[in-house]
Amino acid sequence: MTIVVEGTPDPLTGMVADLGPLDALVEREIIDLFDHHNLNVEVPYFHDVMPTTENIAGFVLATLAPKIERGRLSAVTIIEDEFLSATARR
């Protein structure tokens, strides 16, 4: 998974987003929800939506975007293998 956060770098840190809190957010909101789980059964959103790579990318974008503290989440790419991926953009 690739997450793109855009914005103006903080003048003190030089970063658009602090990667520590961003990693923790992704772990808590996405990885813990998906890892070793049957998405169709255990993730309510996917009860009625097929968990395709495209739909997973959109779900991750919609879930994380309002929770990003600095910057703006502009894209999420889910990578299936070296040749297949899907990107959701704002």
PDB file of N, CA and C in Angstrom:
ATOM      1  N   MET A   1       0.853  -1.159   0.000  1.00  0.00           N
ATOM      2  CA  MET A   1       0.000   0.000   0.000  1.00  0.00           C
ATOM      3  C   MET A   1       0.903   1.227   0.000  1.00  0.00           C
ATOM      4  N   THR A   2       0.543   2.180  -0.850  1.00  0.00           N
ATOM      5  CA  THR A   2       1.237   3.459  -0.909  1.00  0.00           C
ATOM      6  C   THR A   2       0.235   4.550  -0.585  1.00  0.00           C
ATOM      7  N   ILE A   3       0.641   5.436   0.318  1.00  0.00           N
ATOM      8  CA  ILE A   3      -0.217   6.543   0.744  1.00  0.00           C
ATOM      9  C   ILE A   3       0.492   7.837   0.378  1.00  0.00           C
ATOM     10  N   VAL A   4      -0.208   8.748  -0.298  1.00  0.00           N
ATOM     11  CA  VAL A   4       0.370  10.028  -0.701  1.00  0.00           C
ATOM     12  C   VAL A   4      -0.301  11.137   0.095  1.00  0.00           C
ATOM     13  N   VAL A   5       0.515  11.862   0.851  1.00  0.00           N
ATOM     14  CA  VAL A   5       0.035  13.025   1.609  1.00  0.00           C
ATOM     15  C   VAL A   5       0.708  14.250   1.016  1.00  0.00           C
ATOM     16  N   GLU A   6      -0.102  15.222   0.643  1.00  0.00           N
ATOM     17  CA  GLU A   6       0.408  16.453   0.043  1.00  0.00           C
ATOM     18  C   GLU A   6       0.221  17.616   1.007  1.00  0.00           C
ATOM     19  N   GLY A   7       1.030  18.623   0.826  1.00  0.00           N
ATOM     20  CA  GLY A   7       0.882  19.829   1.631  1.00  0.00           C
ATOM     21  C   GLY A   7       2.191  20.584   1.727  1.00  0.00           C
ATOM     22  N   THR A   8       2.189  21.591   2.548  1.00  0.00           N
ATOM     23  CA  THR A   8       3.362  22.420   2.771  1.00  0.00           C
ATOM     24  C   THR A   8       4.170  21.825   3.917  1.00  0.00           C
ATOM     25  N   PRO A   9       5.446  21.614   3.709  1.00  0.00           N
ATOM     26  CA  PRO A   9       6.264  21.067   4.794  1.00  0.00           C
ATOM     27  C   PRO A   9       6.291  22.001   6.011  1.00  0.00           C
ATOM     28  N   ASP A  10       6.259  21.407   7.163  1.00  0.00           N
ATOM     29  CA  ASP A  10       6.393  22.147   8.415  1.00  0.00           C
ATOM     30  C   ASP A  10       7.776  22.803   8.421  1.00  0.00           C
ATOM     31  N   PRO A  11       7.862  24.093   8.752  1.00  0.00           N
ATOM     32  CA  PRO A  11       9.158  24.769   8.714  1.00  0.00           C
ATOM     33  C   PRO A  11      10.173  24.211   9.716  1.00  0.00           C
ATOM     34  N   LEU A  12       9.707  23.638  10.807  1.00  0.00           N
ATOM     35  CA  LEU A  12      10.634  23.099  11.806  1.00  0.00           C
ATOM     36  C   LEU A  12      11.103  21.689  11.468  1.00  0.00           C
ATOM     37  N   THR A  13      10.199  20.854  10.992  1.00  0.00           N
ATOM     38  CA  THR A  13      10.560  19.453  10.741  1.00  0.00           C
ATOM     39  C   THR A  13      10.906  19.174   9.284  1.00  0.00           C
ATOM     40  N   GLY A  14      10.411  20.011   8.380  1.00  0.00           N
ATOM     41  CA  GLY A  14      10.622  19.764   6.962  1.00  0.00           C
ATOM     42  C   GLY A  14       9.713  18.689   6.393  1.00  0.00           C
ATOM     43  N   MET A  15       8.769  18.205   7.201  1.00  0.00           N
ATOM     44  CA  MET A  15       7.874  17.136   6.766  1.00  0.00           C
ATOM     45  C   MET A  15       6.462  17.662   6.557  1.00  0.00           C
ATOM     46  N   VAL A  16       5.778  17.120   5.554  1.00  0.00           N
ATOM     47  CA  VAL A  16       4.361  17.416   5.355  1.00  0.00           C
ATOM     48  C   VAL A  16       3.553  16.704   6.424  1.00  0.00           C
ATOM     49  N   ALA A  17       3.897  15.456   6.688  1.00  0.00           N
ATOM     50  CA  ALA A  17       3.218  14.655   7.716  1.00  0.00           C
ATOM     51  C   ALA A  17       4.270  13.916   8.523  1.00  0.00           C
ATOM     52  N   ASP A  18       4.082  13.870   9.817  1.00  0.00           N
ATOM     53  CA  ASP A  18       4.975  13.115  10.691  1.00  0.00           C
ATOM     54  C   ASP A  18       4.689  11.633  10.469  1.00  0.00           C
ATOM     55  N   LEU A  19       5.687  10.884  10.031  1.00  0.00           N
ATOM     56  CA  LEU A  19       5.471   9.493   9.659  1.00  0.00           C
ATOM     57  C   LEU A  19       5.151   8.578  10.841  1.00  0.00           C
ATOM     58  N   GLY A  20       5.584   8.933  12.037  1.00  0.00           N
ATOM     59  CA  GLY A  20       5.259   8.116  13.215  1.00  0.00           C
ATOM     60  C   GLY A  20       3.760   8.039  13.444  1.00  0.00           C
ATOM     61  N   PRO A  21       3.092   9.180  13.637  1.00  0.00           N
ATOM     62  CA  PRO A  21       1.641   9.151  13.806  1.00  0.00           C
ATOM     63  C   PRO A  21       0.905   8.626  12.574  1.00  0.00           C
ATOM     64  N   LEU A  22       1.423   8.904  11.368  1.00  0.00           N
ATOM     65  CA  LEU A  22       0.780   8.405  10.152  1.00  0.00           C
ATOM     66  C   LEU A  22       0.842   6.879  10.108  1.00  0.00           C
ATOM     67  N   ASP A  23       1.996   6.309  10.412  1.00  0.00           N
ATOM     68  CA  ASP A  23       2.121   4.845  10.458  1.00  0.00           C
ATOM     69  C   ASP A  23       1.182   4.246  11.504  1.00  0.00           C
ATOM     70  N   ALA A  24       1.103   4.879  12.670  1.00  0.00           N
ATOM     71  CA  ALA A  24       0.222   4.385  13.734  1.00  0.00           C
ATOM     72  C   ALA A  24      -1.241   4.445  13.293  1.00  0.00           C
ATOM     73  N   LEU A  25      -1.626   5.506  12.599  1.00  0.00           N
ATOM     74  CA  LEU A  25      -2.991   5.640  12.097  1.00  0.00           C
ATOM     75  C   LEU A  25      -3.310   4.527  11.104  1.00  0.00           C
ATOM     76  N   VAL A  26      -2.418   4.276  10.162  1.00  0.00           N
ATOM     77  CA  VAL A  26      -2.630   3.225   9.168  1.00  0.00           C
ATOM     78  C   VAL A  26      -2.720   1.863   9.852  1.00  0.00           C
ATOM     79  N   GLU A  27      -1.869   1.620  10.811  1.00  0.00           N
ATOM     80  CA  GLU A  27      -1.894   0.350  11.547  1.00  0.00           C
ATOM     81  C   GLU A  27      -3.231   0.164  12.262  1.00  0.00           C
ATOM     82  N   ARG A  28      -3.654   1.189  12.975  1.00  0.00           N
ATOM     83  CA  ARG A  28      -4.872   1.113  13.778  1.00  0.00           C
ATOM     84  C   ARG A  28      -6.145   1.038  12.930  1.00  0.00           C
ATOM     85  N   GLU A  29      -6.232   1.858  11.898  1.00  0.00           N
ATOM     86  CA  GLU A  29      -7.467   1.980  11.120  1.00  0.00           C
ATOM     87  C   GLU A  29      -7.586   0.988   9.966  1.00  0.00           C
ATOM     88  N   ILE A  30      -6.448   0.516   9.434  1.00  0.00           N
ATOM     89  CA  ILE A  30      -6.489  -0.331   8.240  1.00  0.00           C
ATOM     90  C   ILE A  30      -5.867  -1.707   8.487  1.00  0.00           C
ATOM     91  N   ILE A  31      -4.621  -1.738   8.863  1.00  0.00           N
ATOM     92  CA  ILE A  31      -3.928  -3.023   9.006  1.00  0.00           C
ATOM     93  C   ILE A  31      -4.622  -3.906  10.034  1.00  0.00           C
ATOM     94  N   ASP A  32      -4.918  -3.377  11.204  1.00  0.00           N
ATOM     95  CA  ASP A  32      -5.597  -4.178  12.235  1.00  0.00           C
ATOM     96  C   ASP A  32      -6.956  -4.669  11.761  1.00  0.00           C
ATOM     97  N   LEU A  33      -7.626  -3.897  10.932  1.00  0.00           N
ATOM     98  CA  LEU A  33      -8.944  -4.259  10.427  1.00  0.00           C
ATOM     99  C   LEU A  33      -8.872  -5.345   9.355  1.00  0.00           C
ATOM    100  N   PHE A  34      -7.839  -5.289   8.508  1.00  0.00           N
ATOM    101  CA  PHE A  34      -7.746  -6.183   7.353  1.00  0.00           C
ATOM    102  C   PHE A  34      -6.891  -7.427   7.577  1.00  0.00           C
ATOM    103  N   ASP A  35      -5.807  -7.309   8.326  1.00  0.00           N
ATOM    104  CA  ASP A  35      -4.811  -8.372   8.415  1.00  0.00           C
ATOM    105  C   ASP A  35      -5.400  -9.650   9.011  1.00  0.00           C
ATOM    106  N   HIS A  36      -5.320 -10.725   8.246  1.00  0.00           N
ATOM    107  CA  HIS A  36      -5.816 -12.053   8.653  1.00  0.00           C
ATOM    108  C   HIS A  36      -7.318 -12.064   8.923  1.00  0.00           C
ATOM    109  N   HIS A  37      -8.061 -11.265   8.176  1.00  0.00           N
ATOM    110  CA  HIS A  37      -9.514 -11.222   8.315  1.00  0.00           C
ATOM    111  C   HIS A  37     -10.180 -11.476   6.963  1.00  0.00           C
ATOM    112  N   ASN A  38     -11.343 -12.048   7.013  1.00  0.00           N
ATOM    113  CA  ASN A  38     -12.162 -12.235   5.818  1.00  0.00           C
ATOM    114  C   ASN A  38     -12.936 -10.933   5.621  1.00  0.00           C
ATOM    115  N   LEU A  39     -12.533 -10.148   4.642  1.00  0.00           N
ATOM    116  CA  LEU A  39     -13.123  -8.823   4.466  1.00  0.00           C
ATOM    117  C   LEU A  39     -14.624  -8.882   4.217  1.00  0.00           C
ATOM    118  N   ASN A  40     -15.072  -9.857   3.443  1.00  0.00           N
ATOM    119  CA  ASN A  40     -16.500  -9.970   3.135  1.00  0.00           C
ATOM    120  C   ASN A  40     -17.338 -10.206   4.390  1.00  0.00           C
ATOM    121  N   VAL A  41     -16.756 -10.870   5.368  1.00  0.00           N
ATOM    122  CA  VAL A  41     -17.499 -11.256   6.573  1.00  0.00           C
ATOM    123  C   VAL A  41     -17.220 -10.320   7.744  1.00  0.00           C
ATOM    124  N   GLU A  42     -15.968  -9.919   7.915  1.00  0.00           N
ATOM    125  CA  GLU A  42     -15.559  -9.231   9.136  1.00  0.00           C
ATOM    126  C   GLU A  42     -15.458  -7.706   9.038  1.00  0.00           C
ATOM    127  N   VAL A  43     -15.536  -7.166   7.841  1.00  0.00           N
ATOM    128  CA  VAL A  43     -15.488  -5.709   7.674  1.00  0.00           C
ATOM    129  C   VAL A  43     -16.853  -5.268   7.157  1.00  0.00           C
ATOM    130  N   PRO A  44     -17.646  -4.591   7.983  1.00  0.00           N
ATOM    131  CA  PRO A  44     -19.020  -4.255   7.597  1.00  0.00           C
ATOM    132  C   PRO A  44     -19.145  -3.573   6.228  1.00  0.00           C
ATOM    133  N   TYR A  45     -18.228  -2.699   5.881  1.00  0.00           N
ATOM    134  CA  TYR A  45     -18.306  -2.007   4.589  1.00  0.00           C
ATOM    135  C   TYR A  45     -18.367  -2.996   3.425  1.00  0.00           C
ATOM    136  N   PHE A  46     -17.656  -4.097   3.553  1.00  0.00           N
ATOM    137  CA  PHE A  46     -17.561  -5.060   2.464  1.00  0.00           C
ATOM    138  C   PHE A  46     -18.644  -6.137   2.503  1.00  0.00           C
ATOM    139  N   HIS A  47     -19.625  -5.994   3.381  1.00  0.00           N
ATOM    140  CA  HIS A  47     -20.772  -6.904   3.340  1.00  0.00           C
ATOM    141  C   HIS A  47     -21.544  -6.720   2.036  1.00  0.00           C
ATOM    142  N   ASP A  48     -21.616  -5.481   1.561  1.00  0.00           N
ATOM    143  CA  ASP A  48     -22.391  -5.160   0.361  1.00  0.00           C
ATOM    144  C   ASP A  48     -21.541  -4.671  -0.802  1.00  0.00           C
ATOM    145  N   VAL A  49     -20.231  -4.566  -0.589  1.00  0.00           N
ATOM    146  CA  VAL A  49     -19.315  -4.078  -1.626  1.00  0.00           C
ATOM    147  C   VAL A  49     -18.242  -5.138  -1.833  1.00  0.00           C
ATOM    148  N   MET A  50     -18.031  -5.535  -3.070  1.00  0.00           N
ATOM    149  CA  MET A  50     -16.999  -6.527  -3.382  1.00  0.00           C
ATOM    150  C   MET A  50     -15.619  -5.961  -3.049  1.00  0.00           C
ATOM    151  N   PRO A  51     -14.813  -6.675  -2.259  1.00  0.00           N
ATOM    152  CA  PRO A  51     -13.497  -6.157  -1.880  1.00  0.00           C
ATOM    153  C   PRO A  51     -12.448  -6.309  -2.990  1.00  0.00           C
ATOM    154  N   THR A  52     -12.692  -5.636  -4.100  1.00  0.00           N
ATOM    155  CA  THR A  52     -11.703  -5.593  -5.174  1.00  0.00           C
ATOM    156  C   THR A  52     -10.576  -4.652  -4.764  1.00  0.00           C
ATOM    157  N   THR A  53      -9.498  -4.719  -5.477  1.00  0.00           N
ATOM    158  CA  THR A  53      -8.381  -3.814  -5.190  1.00  0.00           C
ATOM    159  C   THR A  53      -8.830  -2.362  -5.297  1.00  0.00           C
ATOM    160  N   GLU A  54      -9.653  -2.061  -6.303  1.00  0.00           N
ATOM    161  CA  GLU A  54     -10.154  -0.696  -6.488  1.00  0.00           C
ATOM    162  C   GLU A  54     -11.007  -0.253  -5.299  1.00  0.00           C
ATOM    163  N   ASN A  55     -11.897  -1.132  -4.831  1.00  0.00           N
ATOM    164  CA  ASN A  55     -12.764  -0.782  -3.704  1.00  0.00           C
ATOM    165  C   ASN A  55     -11.994  -0.693  -2.394  1.00  0.00           C
ATOM    166  N   ILE A  56     -10.986  -1.516  -2.230  1.00  0.00           N
ATOM    167  CA  ILE A  56     -10.156  -1.427  -1.024  1.00  0.00           C
ATOM    168  C   ILE A  56      -9.402  -0.101  -1.016  1.00  0.00           C
ATOM    169  N   ALA A  57      -8.851   0.305  -2.155  1.00  0.00           N
ATOM    170  CA  ALA A  57      -8.151   1.590  -2.228  1.00  0.00           C
ATOM    171  C   ALA A  57      -9.096   2.736  -1.873  1.00  0.00           C
ATOM    172  N   GLY A  58     -10.301   2.697  -2.399  1.00  0.00           N
ATOM    173  CA  GLY A  58     -11.288   3.738  -2.083  1.00  0.00           C
ATOM    174  C   GLY A  58     -11.672   3.745  -0.617  1.00  0.00           C
ATOM    175  N   PHE A  59     -11.838   2.565  -0.034  1.00  0.00           N
ATOM    176  CA  PHE A  59     -12.166   2.455   1.390  1.00  0.00           C
ATOM    177  C   PHE A  59     -11.046   3.042   2.252  1.00  0.00           C
ATOM    178  N   VAL A  60      -9.812   2.689   1.929  1.00  0.00           N
ATOM    179  CA  VAL A  60      -8.675   3.199   2.703  1.00  0.00           C
ATOM    180  C   VAL A  60      -8.613   4.721   2.599  1.00  0.00           C
ATOM    181  N   LEU A  61      -8.785   5.252   1.394  1.00  0.00           N
ATOM    182  CA  LEU A  61      -8.774   6.706   1.207  1.00  0.00           C
ATOM    183  C   LEU A  61      -9.871   7.376   2.031  1.00  0.00           C
ATOM    184  N   ALA A  62     -11.080   6.855   1.942  1.00  0.00           N
ATOM    185  CA  ALA A  62     -12.207   7.454   2.665  1.00  0.00           C
ATOM    186  C   ALA A  62     -12.042   7.327   4.179  1.00  0.00           C
ATOM    187  N   THR A  63     -11.443   6.242   4.625  1.00  0.00           N
ATOM    188  CA  THR A  63     -11.260   6.018   6.063  1.00  0.00           C
ATOM    189  C   THR A  63     -10.175   6.916   6.636  1.00  0.00           C
ATOM    190  N   LEU A  64      -9.069   7.038   5.925  1.00  0.00           N
ATOM    191  CA  LEU A  64      -7.932   7.782   6.468  1.00  0.00           C
ATOM    192  C   LEU A  64      -8.013   9.294   6.246  1.00  0.00           C
ATOM    193  N   ALA A  65      -8.585   9.725   5.129  1.00  0.00           N
ATOM    194  CA  ALA A  65      -8.547  11.148   4.768  1.00  0.00           C
ATOM    195  C   ALA A  65      -8.998  12.089   5.886  1.00  0.00           C
ATOM    196  N   PRO A  66     -10.133  11.827   6.538  1.00  0.00           N
ATOM    197  CA  PRO A  66     -10.549  12.787   7.575  1.00  0.00           C
ATOM    198  C   PRO A  66      -9.713  12.707   8.857  1.00  0.00           C
ATOM    199  N   LYS A  67      -8.838  11.714   8.957  1.00  0.00           N
ATOM    200  CA  LYS A  67      -8.067  11.521  10.186  1.00  0.00           C
ATOM    201  C   LYS A  67      -6.616  11.968  10.072  1.00  0.00           C
ATOM    202  N   ILE A  68      -6.218  12.432   8.889  1.00  0.00           N
ATOM    203  CA  ILE A  68      -4.854  12.920   8.689  1.00  0.00           C
ATOM    204  C   ILE A  68      -4.746  14.282   9.367  1.00  0.00           C
ATOM    205  N   GLU A  69      -3.792  14.411  10.300  1.00  0.00           N
ATOM    206  CA  GLU A  69      -3.690  15.639  11.081  1.00  0.00           C
ATOM    207  C   GLU A  69      -2.996  16.769  10.334  1.00  0.00           C
ATOM    208  N   ARG A  70      -1.966  16.449   9.557  1.00  0.00           N
ATOM    209  CA  ARG A  70      -1.243  17.471   8.789  1.00  0.00           C
ATOM    210  C   ARG A  70      -1.195  17.045   7.341  1.00  0.00           C
ATOM    211  N   GLY A  71      -1.384  17.985   6.452  1.00  0.00           N
ATOM    212  CA  GLY A  71      -1.384  17.674   5.038  1.00  0.00           C
ATOM    213  C   GLY A  71      -2.747  17.170   4.588  1.00  0.00           C
ATOM    214  N   ARG A  72      -2.770  16.709   3.359  1.00  0.00           N
ATOM    215  CA  ARG A  72      -4.016  16.242   2.742  1.00  0.00           C
ATOM    216  C   ARG A  72      -3.733  14.911   2.074  1.00  0.00           C
ATOM    217  N   LEU A  73      -4.477  13.894   2.454  1.00  0.00           N
ATOM    218  CA  LEU A  73      -4.339  12.593   1.811  1.00  0.00           C
ATOM    219  C   LEU A  73      -4.877  12.713   0.397  1.00  0.00           C
ATOM    220  N   SER A  74      -4.021  12.542  -0.590  1.00  0.00           N
ATOM    221  CA  SER A  74      -4.447  12.745  -1.975  1.00  0.00           C
ATOM    222  C   SER A  74      -4.589  11.455  -2.762  1.00  0.00           C
ATOM    223  N   ALA A  75      -3.938  10.369  -2.327  1.00  0.00           N
ATOM    224  CA  ALA A  75      -4.037   9.117  -3.074  1.00  0.00           C
ATOM    225  C   ALA A  75      -3.655   7.931  -2.212  1.00  0.00           C
ATOM    226  N   VAL A  76      -4.276   6.806  -2.521  1.00  0.00           N
ATOM    227  CA  VAL A  76      -3.935   5.518  -1.914  1.00  0.00           C
ATOM    228  C   VAL A  76      -3.827   4.515  -3.045  1.00  0.00           C
ATOM    229  N   THR A  77      -2.718   3.787  -3.083  1.00  0.00           N
ATOM    230  CA  THR A  77      -2.529   2.733  -4.071  1.00  0.00           C
ATOM    231  C   THR A  77      -2.402   1.406  -3.352  1.00  0.00           C
ATOM    232  N   ILE A  78      -3.189   0.444  -3.786  1.00  0.00           N
ATOM    233  CA  ILE A  78      -3.095  -0.923  -3.286  1.00  0.00           C
ATOM    234  C   ILE A  78      -2.398  -1.736  -4.380  1.00  0.00           C
ATOM    235  N   ILE A  79      -1.346  -2.412  -4.002  1.00  0.00           N
ATOM    236  CA  ILE A  79      -0.532  -3.159  -4.956  1.00  0.00           C
ATOM    237  C   ILE A  79      -0.793  -4.650  -4.777  1.00  0.00           C
ATOM    238  N   GLU A  80      -1.296  -5.284  -5.830  1.00  0.00           N
ATOM    239  CA  GLU A  80      -1.556  -6.724  -5.791  1.00  0.00           C
ATOM    240  C   GLU A  80      -0.285  -7.519  -6.068  1.00  0.00           C
ATOM    241  N   ASP A  81       0.426  -7.125  -7.099  1.00  0.00           N
ATOM    242  CA  ASP A  81       1.708  -7.743  -7.432  1.00  0.00           C
ATOM    243  C   ASP A  81       2.500  -6.738  -8.263  1.00  0.00           C
ATOM    244  N   GLU A  82       3.603  -7.162  -8.851  1.00  0.00           N
ATOM    245  CA  GLU A  82       4.459  -6.212  -9.555  1.00  0.00           C
ATOM    246  C   GLU A  82       3.810  -5.604 -10.793  1.00  0.00           C
ATOM    247  N   PHE A  83       2.707  -6.191 -11.269  1.00  0.00           N
ATOM    248  CA  PHE A  83       2.056  -5.700 -12.482  1.00  0.00           C
ATOM    249  C   PHE A  83       0.657  -5.121 -12.250  1.00  0.00           C
ATOM    250  N   LEU A  84       0.072  -5.372 -11.095  1.00  0.00           N
ATOM    251  CA  LEU A  84      -1.324  -4.976 -10.858  1.00  0.00           C
ATOM    252  C   LEU A  84      -1.439  -4.112  -9.607  1.00  0.00           C
ATOM    253  N   SER A  85      -2.115  -2.985  -9.779  1.00  0.00           N
ATOM    254  CA  SER A  85      -2.400  -2.112  -8.639  1.00  0.00           C
ATOM    255  C   SER A  85      -3.620  -1.273  -8.976  1.00  0.00           C
ATOM    256  N   ALA A  86      -4.183  -0.651  -7.942  1.00  0.00           N
ATOM    257  CA  ALA A  86      -5.314   0.264  -8.131  1.00  0.00           C
ATOM    258  C   ALA A  86      -5.074   1.472  -7.242  1.00  0.00           C
ATOM    259  N   THR A  87      -5.391   2.646  -7.791  1.00  0.00           N
ATOM    260  CA  THR A  87      -5.190   3.902  -7.059  1.00  0.00           C
ATOM    261  C   THR A  87      -6.516   4.637  -6.944  1.00  0.00           C
ATOM    262  N   ALA A  88      -6.805   5.095  -5.734  1.00  0.00           N
ATOM    263  CA  ALA A  88      -7.946   5.972  -5.476  1.00  0.00           C
ATOM    264  C   ALA A  88      -7.376   7.355  -5.184  1.00  0.00           C
ATOM    265  N   ARG A  89      -7.953   8.371  -5.817  1.00  0.00           N
ATOM    266  CA  ARG A  89      -7.463   9.746  -5.640  1.00  0.00           C
ATOM    267  C   ARG A  89      -8.581  10.670  -5.200  1.00  0.00           C
ATOM    268  N   ARG A  90      -8.199  11.721  -4.507  1.00  0.00           N
ATOM    269  CA  ARG A  90      -9.142  12.768  -4.109  1.00  0.00           C
ATOM    270  C   ARG A  90      -9.043  13.913  -5.063  1.00  0.00           C
TER     271      ARG A  90
END
